[in-house]
């Protein structure tokens, strides 16, 4: 059996991805009123497909197992419950302060938030950030089952590639208003393709500049053609994202091929980015708070140059997110340790 390893490069990329999500929400929420459309859409290059790719990439270091996959999803869900509970408590406490943030209304609303039906009006970007989580759980669960079957075969390497290609073909099929068993599976197929691309990472080689340039040209060509066929402007990435299209897929591939190329060229990783990557889930939750606060405060920043204004608000957003995410991570680990120690004492009685 393959030995489970931790790839520092993946953590490094997850750190970059987390900062990328912050840049997106700084541009699309607080920056909606002053940043140009082309710039907002450009920030979508480091987006959800990159997260799925990195998830599949990390999972490729051990054999897929449905039990392990469910445990991993369970841990994410527990962290989400902890985050929502803490945020709901903070919103409740603000009722006794001059600055009030509207949170959950009752126990039923709180439970719905636990199930990713988010309704915390005081922090709107939390809701705007978590839309993909239901697809993430579905993609991991279903593909873990499929990969468990595939990896038992002696031709697992070829079967992984075939399955990846099949996902792409099926996605193209449903993107032209076709359905599978009466269901629109476009989101599942699209993000499964990127997860499987990460699974097949070890079989992809982009070691030279010539390979990189060739891949970028091919991706750029596919991006331009799909933009033309879909009648979506080159800068209309947000339009191409919901529902996901080939255009959005090609656009997302730019950052993936760059990540594949630089893996063999970067010898030293930024410690802060690695640390953020190792705690990426808390940073993803935390940026919803940071981006919401930024959304409220941005109009008070009277700077005429849009790019300077965006840079300042982005750095402020990153700072707030780091503070909140580190507090979340620290308190969660302390709470987890306390519970485990007490359970151990209880069992020993």
Protein backbone atom coordinates (compact mmCIF):
# COMPACT_ATOMS: atom_id res chain seq x y z
CA UNK A 1 0.00 0.00 0.00
CA UNK A 2 1.19 3.51 -0.85
CA UNK A 3 2.54 5.43 2.09
CA UNK A 4 0.69 8.64 2.87
CA UNK A 5 2.94 11.63 2.31
CA UNK A 6 2.59 15.37 2.62
CA UNK A 7 3.69 17.32 -0.40
CA UNK A 8 4.87 20.79 0.68
CA UNK A 9 4.37 22.07 -2.87
CA UNK A 10 0.64 21.30 -2.61
CA UNK A 11 0.46 23.27 0.64
CA UNK A 12 2.31 26.11 -1.10
CA UNK A 13 -0.23 26.07 -3.95
CA UNK A 14 -3.13 25.89 -1.51
CA UNK A 15 -1.73 29.02 0.14
CA UNK A 16 -1.68 30.78 -3.23
CA UNK A 17 -5.22 29.53 -3.93
CA UNK A 18 -6.46 30.91 -0.59
CA UNK A 19 -4.99 34.34 -1.38
CA UNK A 20 -6.54 34.04 -4.83
CA UNK A 21 -10.01 33.57 -3.36
CA UNK A 22 -9.47 36.66 -1.20
CA UNK A 23 -8.53 38.65 -4.32
CA UNK A 24 -11.71 37.46 -6.08
CA UNK A 25 -13.98 38.52 -3.25
CA UNK A 26 -12.13 41.80 -2.79
CA UNK A 27 -12.81 42.56 -6.47
CA UNK A 28 -16.36 41.21 -6.78
CA UNK A 29 -17.81 42.37 -3.47
CA UNK A 30 -16.08 45.47 -2.15
CA UNK A 31 -14.61 46.29 -5.55
CA UNK A 32 -17.76 45.87 -7.65
CA UNK A 33 -18.37 49.62 -7.73
CA UNK A 34 -14.92 50.81 -8.78
CA UNK A 35 -12.86 48.03 -10.43
CA UNK A 36 -13.16 47.48 -14.20
CA UNK A 37 -14.99 44.36 -15.37
CA UNK A 38 -11.93 42.87 -17.11
CA UNK A 39 -9.93 43.05 -13.87
CA UNK A 40 -12.64 41.39 -11.77
CA UNK A 41 -12.89 38.56 -14.27
CA UNK A 42 -9.11 38.18 -14.42
CA UNK A 43 -9.04 37.37 -10.69
CA UNK A 44 -11.14 34.26 -11.44
CA UNK A 45 -8.07 32.52 -12.87
CA UNK A 46 -7.26 31.16 -9.39
CA UNK A 47 -10.68 29.86 -8.47
CA UNK A 48 -12.68 26.78 -7.44
CA UNK A 49 -11.38 24.45 -10.22
CA UNK A 50 -7.86 24.98 -8.89
CA UNK A 51 -9.03 23.89 -5.42
CA UNK A 52 -10.52 20.71 -6.86
CA UNK A 53 -7.33 20.02 -8.80
CA UNK A 54 -5.25 20.40 -5.62
CA UNK A 55 -7.67 18.17 -3.70
CA UNK A 56 -7.29 15.41 -6.29
CA UNK A 57 -3.55 15.97 -6.42
CA UNK A 58 -3.24 15.54 -2.66
CA UNK A 59 -5.52 12.49 -2.66
CA UNK A 60 -3.35 10.81 -5.30
CA UNK A 61 -0.65 10.13 -2.70
CA UNK A 62 -2.65 7.29 -1.17
CA UNK A 63 -5.08 4.67 -2.36
CA UNK A 64 -8.65 5.90 -2.44
CA UNK A 65 -10.83 4.46 0.27
CA UNK A 66 -14.47 5.42 0.83
CA UNK A 67 -14.03 5.22 4.62
CA UNK A 68 -11.03 7.57 4.51
CA UNK A 69 -12.91 9.91 2.16
CA UNK A 70 -15.93 10.03 4.48
CA UNK A 71 -13.68 10.71 7.47
CA UNK A 72 -12.04 13.58 5.58
CA UNK A 73 -15.42 15.06 4.64
CA UNK A 74 -16.60 14.58 8.21
CA UNK A 75 -13.63 16.57 9.54
CA UNK A 76 -14.40 19.42 7.13
CA UNK A 77 -18.04 19.41 8.21
CA UNK A 78 -17.10 19.49 11.91
CA UNK A 79 -14.83 22.47 11.25
CA UNK A 80 -17.67 24.17 9.39
CA UNK A 81 -20.05 23.56 12.32
CA UNK A 82 -17.44 25.02 14.67
CA UNK A 83 -17.01 28.06 12.44
CA UNK A 84 -20.74 28.72 12.06
CA UNK A 85 -21.32 28.26 15.80
CA UNK A 86 -18.54 30.73 16.62
CA UNK A 87 -19.81 33.23 14.03
CA UNK A 88 -23.41 32.92 15.29
CA UNK A 89 -22.16 33.58 18.84
CA UNK A 90 -20.21 36.66 17.72
CA UNK A 91 -23.28 38.02 15.90
CA UNK A 92 -25.35 37.46 19.04
CA UNK A 93 -22.80 39.32 21.18
CA UNK A 94 -22.80 42.31 18.82
CA UNK A 95 -26.41 43.01 19.78
CA UNK A 96 -24.99 44.60 22.92
CA UNK A 97 -22.58 46.82 20.99
CA UNK A 98 -23.06 49.88 18.76
CA UNK A 99 -22.07 47.82 15.69
CA UNK A 100 -24.63 45.03 15.20
CA UNK A 101 -24.17 42.13 12.76
CA UNK A 102 -27.29 40.14 11.96
CA UNK A 103 -26.78 36.39 12.43
CA UNK A 104 -28.96 33.29 12.67
CA UNK A 105 -32.52 33.81 13.83
CA UNK A 106 -33.25 30.60 15.74
CA UNK A 107 -32.19 26.97 16.26
CA UNK A 108 -33.75 25.83 12.99
CA UNK A 109 -31.85 28.52 11.11
CA UNK A 110 -28.63 27.47 12.86
CA UNK A 111 -29.12 23.82 11.84
CA UNK A 112 -29.80 24.91 8.25
CA UNK A 113 -26.52 26.81 8.31
CA UNK A 114 -24.79 23.65 9.52
CA UNK A 115 -26.16 21.97 6.39
CA UNK A 116 -24.60 24.70 4.16
CA UNK A 117 -27.87 26.59 3.68
CA UNK A 118 -26.18 29.78 4.83
CA UNK A 119 -28.21 32.76 6.03
CA UNK A 120 -26.04 35.16 8.03
CA UNK A 121 -26.97 38.58 6.59
CA UNK A 122 -24.35 40.39 8.67
CA UNK A 123 -21.57 38.59 6.79
CA UNK A 124 -22.88 38.18 3.22
CA UNK A 125 -19.62 36.89 1.70
CA UNK A 126 -19.78 33.79 3.93
CA UNK A 127 -22.87 32.77 1.97
CA UNK A 128 -21.27 33.86 -1.30
CA UNK A 129 -18.19 31.74 -0.57
CA UNK A 130 -19.74 28.43 0.35
CA UNK A 131 -21.98 27.73 -2.66
CA UNK A 132 -19.65 25.03 -4.04
CA UNK A 133 -19.40 22.96 -0.85
CA UNK A 134 -22.34 20.70 -1.74
CA UNK A 135 -20.62 19.88 -5.03
CA UNK A 136 -17.33 19.27 -3.23
CA UNK A 137 -18.90 16.66 -0.94
CA UNK A 138 -20.62 14.99 -3.90
CA UNK A 139 -17.49 14.96 -6.06
CA UNK A 140 -15.28 13.51 -3.32
CA UNK A 141 -17.82 10.88 -2.20
CA UNK A 142 -18.79 9.58 -5.66
CA UNK A 143 -15.27 9.66 -7.10
CA UNK A 144 -13.83 7.97 -4.02
CA UNK A 145 -16.14 5.03 -4.73
CA UNK A 146 -15.18 4.97 -8.42
CA UNK A 147 -11.47 5.27 -7.65
CA UNK A 148 -11.69 2.49 -5.07
CA UNK A 149 -12.93 0.20 -7.85
CA UNK A 150 -10.44 1.47 -10.45
CA UNK A 151 -7.40 1.11 -8.19
CA UNK A 152 -8.13 -2.58 -7.66
CA UNK A 153 -7.45 -3.14 -11.36
CA UNK A 154 -3.99 -3.86 -12.75
CA UNK A 155 -4.71 -1.25 -15.45
CA UNK A 156 -5.57 1.47 -12.91
CA UNK A 157 -3.24 4.00 -14.54
CA UNK A 158 -4.96 3.71 -17.92
CA UNK A 159 -8.43 3.53 -16.37
CA UNK A 160 -7.82 6.79 -14.47
CA UNK A 161 -6.91 8.54 -17.71
CA UNK A 162 -9.90 7.07 -19.54
CA UNK A 163 -12.26 8.11 -16.74
CA UNK A 164 -10.81 11.64 -16.78
CA UNK A 165 -11.37 11.88 -20.55
CA UNK A 166 -14.88 10.42 -20.18
CA UNK A 167 -15.76 13.11 -17.62
CA UNK A 168 -14.65 15.78 -20.10
CA UNK A 169 -16.69 14.27 -22.93
CA UNK A 170 -19.79 13.92 -20.78
CA UNK A 171 -19.41 17.50 -19.59
CA UNK A 172 -19.32 18.73 -23.20
CA UNK A 173 -22.43 16.62 -23.86
CA UNK A 174 -24.47 18.08 -20.99
CA UNK A 175 -23.20 21.61 -21.67
CA UNK A 176 -25.20 21.47 -24.91
CA UNK A 177 -28.48 21.08 -22.98
CA UNK A 178 -28.36 17.29 -22.79
CA UNK A 179 -29.12 15.39 -19.63
CA UNK A 180 -27.96 12.15 -18.04
CA UNK A 181 -30.86 10.06 -16.70
CA UNK A 182 -32.95 13.21 -16.68
CA UNK A 183 -30.47 15.11 -14.49
CA UNK A 184 -28.28 18.13 -15.17
CA UNK A 185 -24.88 16.88 -13.99
CA UNK A 186 -22.79 19.76 -15.37
CA UNK A 187 -21.40 20.91 -12.00
CA UNK A 188 -20.53 17.38 -10.90
CA UNK A 189 -18.86 16.48 -14.21
CA UNK A 190 -16.98 19.76 -14.46
CA UNK A 191 -15.45 19.68 -10.99
CA UNK A 192 -14.92 15.90 -11.12
CA UNK A 193 -12.82 16.48 -14.24
CA UNK A 194 -10.50 18.84 -12.37
CA UNK A 195 -10.34 16.53 -9.33
CA UNK A 196 -9.37 13.64 -11.59
CA UNK A 197 -6.84 15.85 -13.36
CA UNK A 198 -5.16 16.17 -9.96
CA UNK A 199 -5.37 12.41 -9.52
CA UNK A 200 -3.52 12.00 -12.83
CA UNK A 201 -0.94 14.68 -12.01
CA UNK A 202 1.95 12.20 -11.78
CA UNK A 203 1.42 11.25 -15.42
CA UNK A 204 1.54 14.84 -16.69
CA UNK A 205 4.90 16.38 -17.54
CA UNK A 206 5.47 20.08 -18.24
CA UNK A 207 9.19 20.41 -17.57
CA UNK A 208 10.41 22.80 -20.28
CA UNK A 209 9.52 26.30 -21.36
CA UNK A 210 8.65 24.92 -24.80
CA UNK A 211 6.11 22.54 -23.26
CA UNK A 212 4.66 25.37 -21.19
CA UNK A 213 4.34 27.74 -24.16
CA UNK A 214 2.77 25.01 -26.31
CA UNK A 215 0.22 24.19 -23.61
CA UNK A 216 -0.64 27.87 -23.06
CA UNK A 217 -1.15 28.35 -26.81
CA UNK A 218 -3.44 25.30 -26.98
CA UNK A 219 -5.41 26.42 -23.92
CA UNK A 220 -5.60 29.98 -25.26
CA UNK A 221 -6.93 28.66 -28.56
CA UNK A 222 -9.55 26.55 -26.81
CA UNK A 223 -10.51 29.51 -24.65
CA UNK A 224 -10.94 31.82 -27.66
CA UNK A 225 -12.92 29.25 -29.69
CA UNK A 226 -15.24 28.38 -26.78
CA UNK A 227 -15.77 32.11 -26.13
CA UNK A 228 -16.82 32.54 -29.75
CA UNK A 229 -19.10 29.47 -29.81
CA UNK A 230 -20.80 30.45 -26.56
CA UNK A 231 -21.09 34.08 -27.66
CA UNK A 232 -19.54 35.24 -24.40
CA UNK A 233 -16.97 38.08 -24.45
CA UNK A 234 -13.36 37.15 -23.66
CA UNK A 235 -13.61 39.06 -20.38
CA UNK A 236 -16.98 37.48 -19.43
CA UNK A 237 -15.54 34.76 -17.18
CA UNK A 238 -18.16 35.26 -14.46
CA UNK A 239 -20.88 34.63 -17.03
CA UNK A 240 -19.08 31.48 -18.18
CA UNK A 241 -18.77 30.25 -14.56
CA UNK A 242 -22.47 29.81 -13.68
CA UNK A 243 -23.18 27.20 -14.91
CA UNK A 244 -19.64 26.05 -15.70
CA UNK A 245 -18.74 26.08 -19.39
CA UNK A 246 -15.85 24.99 -21.58
CA UNK A 247 -14.72 28.61 -21.67
CA UNK A 248 -14.42 28.71 -17.88
CA UNK A 249 -12.68 25.33 -17.96
CA UNK A 250 -10.04 26.49 -20.42
CA UNK A 251 -9.54 29.70 -18.45
CA UNK A 252 -8.99 27.69 -15.26
CA UNK A 253 -6.37 25.55 -16.99
CA UNK A 254 -3.94 28.48 -17.30
CA UNK A 255 -3.04 28.48 -13.61
CA UNK A 256 -2.93 24.66 -13.50
CA UNK A 257 -0.34 24.35 -16.27
CA UNK A 258 1.72 27.08 -14.58
CA UNK A 259 1.54 25.15 -11.30
CA UNK A 260 2.63 21.95 -13.06
CA UNK A 261 5.55 23.70 -14.73
CA UNK A 262 6.88 25.46 -11.62
CA UNK A 263 6.79 22.31 -9.48
CA UNK A 264 10.18 21.24 -10.80
CA UNK A 265 11.57 24.79 -10.84
CA UNK A 266 10.74 26.17 -7.39
CA UNK A 267 13.22 24.87 -4.83
CA UNK A 268 12.28 27.02 -1.83
CA UNK A 269 8.75 27.72 -0.65
CA UNK A 270 7.45 30.76 1.16
CA UNK A 271 6.76 29.70 4.75
CA UNK A 272 3.69 31.90 5.13
CA UNK A 273 2.08 30.47 1.99
CA UNK A 274 2.85 26.92 3.14
CA UNK A 275 1.35 27.66 6.55
CA UNK A 276 -1.78 29.13 4.97
CA UNK A 277 -2.03 26.06 2.72
CA UNK A 278 -1.81 23.73 5.70
CA UNK A 279 -4.75 25.57 7.27
CA UNK A 280 -6.54 26.33 4.01
CA UNK A 281 -10.02 25.35 5.18
CA UNK A 282 -9.95 27.87 8.05
CA UNK A 283 -8.63 30.54 5.70
CA UNK A 284 -11.45 29.79 3.28
CA UNK A 285 -13.99 30.19 6.07
CA UNK A 286 -12.19 33.20 7.55
CA UNK A 287 -12.00 35.15 4.32
CA UNK A 288 -15.81 35.22 4.25
CA UNK A 289 -15.65 37.40 7.37
CA UNK A 290 -12.72 39.48 6.13
CA UNK A 291 -14.34 40.08 2.74
CA UNK A 292 -17.66 41.02 4.39
CA UNK A 293 -15.97 43.61 6.62
CA UNK A 294 -14.09 44.88 3.57
CA UNK A 295 -17.41 45.13 1.72
CA UNK A 296 -18.78 47.44 4.41
CA UNK A 297 -15.66 49.60 4.76
CA UNK A 298 -14.48 50.05 1.17
CA UNK A 299 -16.63 53.10 0.38
CA UNK A 300 -15.02 54.98 3.25
CA UNK A 301 -11.65 54.71 1.53
CA UNK A 302 -11.52 57.86 -0.61
CA UNK A 303 -8.88 57.02 -3.23
CA UNK A 304 -9.44 57.94 -6.86
CA UNK A 305 -7.07 55.44 -8.48
CA UNK A 306 -9.00 52.14 -8.66
CA UNK A 307 -5.93 49.88 -8.68
CA UNK A 308 -4.32 51.55 -5.67
CA UNK A 309 -7.66 51.36 -3.86
CA UNK A 310 -8.02 47.66 -4.69
CA UNK A 311 -4.45 46.88 -3.55
CA UNK A 312 -5.00 48.63 -0.20
CA UNK A 313 -8.35 46.91 0.40
CA UNK A 314 -6.89 43.57 -0.66
CA UNK A 315 -3.97 43.85 1.78
CA UNK A 316 -6.41 44.90 4.50
CA UNK A 317 -8.61 41.91 3.65
CA UNK A 318 -5.61 39.55 3.82
CA UNK A 319 -4.59 40.97 7.20
CA UNK A 320 -8.08 40.56 8.68
CA UNK A 321 -8.41 37.07 7.21
CA UNK A 322 -5.08 35.98 8.70
CA UNK A 323 -6.08 37.23 12.15
CA UNK A 324 -9.49 35.56 12.06
CA UNK A 325 -8.28 32.31 10.48
CA UNK A 326 -5.41 31.89 12.92
CA UNK A 327 -7.79 32.48 15.83
CA UNK A 328 -10.20 29.92 14.39
CA UNK A 329 -7.46 27.36 13.84
CA UNK A 330 -5.92 27.88 17.29
CA UNK A 331 -9.22 27.73 19.18
CA UNK A 332 -10.44 24.72 17.20
CA UNK A 333 -7.26 22.75 17.93
CA UNK A 334 -7.50 23.63 21.62
CA UNK A 335 -11.16 22.57 21.75
CA UNK A 336 -10.40 19.36 19.86
CA UNK A 337 -7.53 18.52 22.23
CA UNK A 338 -9.70 19.23 25.28
CA UNK A 339 -12.53 16.99 24.03
CA UNK A 340 -10.20 14.12 23.06
CA UNK A 341 -8.39 14.24 26.40
CA UNK A 342 -11.66 14.15 28.32
CA UNK A 343 -13.00 11.29 26.20
CA UNK A 344 -9.81 9.37 26.91
CA UNK A 345 -10.21 9.96 30.65
CA UNK A 346 -13.85 8.88 30.46
CA UNK A 347 -12.95 5.64 28.68
CA UNK A 348 -10.25 4.83 31.24
CA UNK A 349 -12.68 5.10 34.16
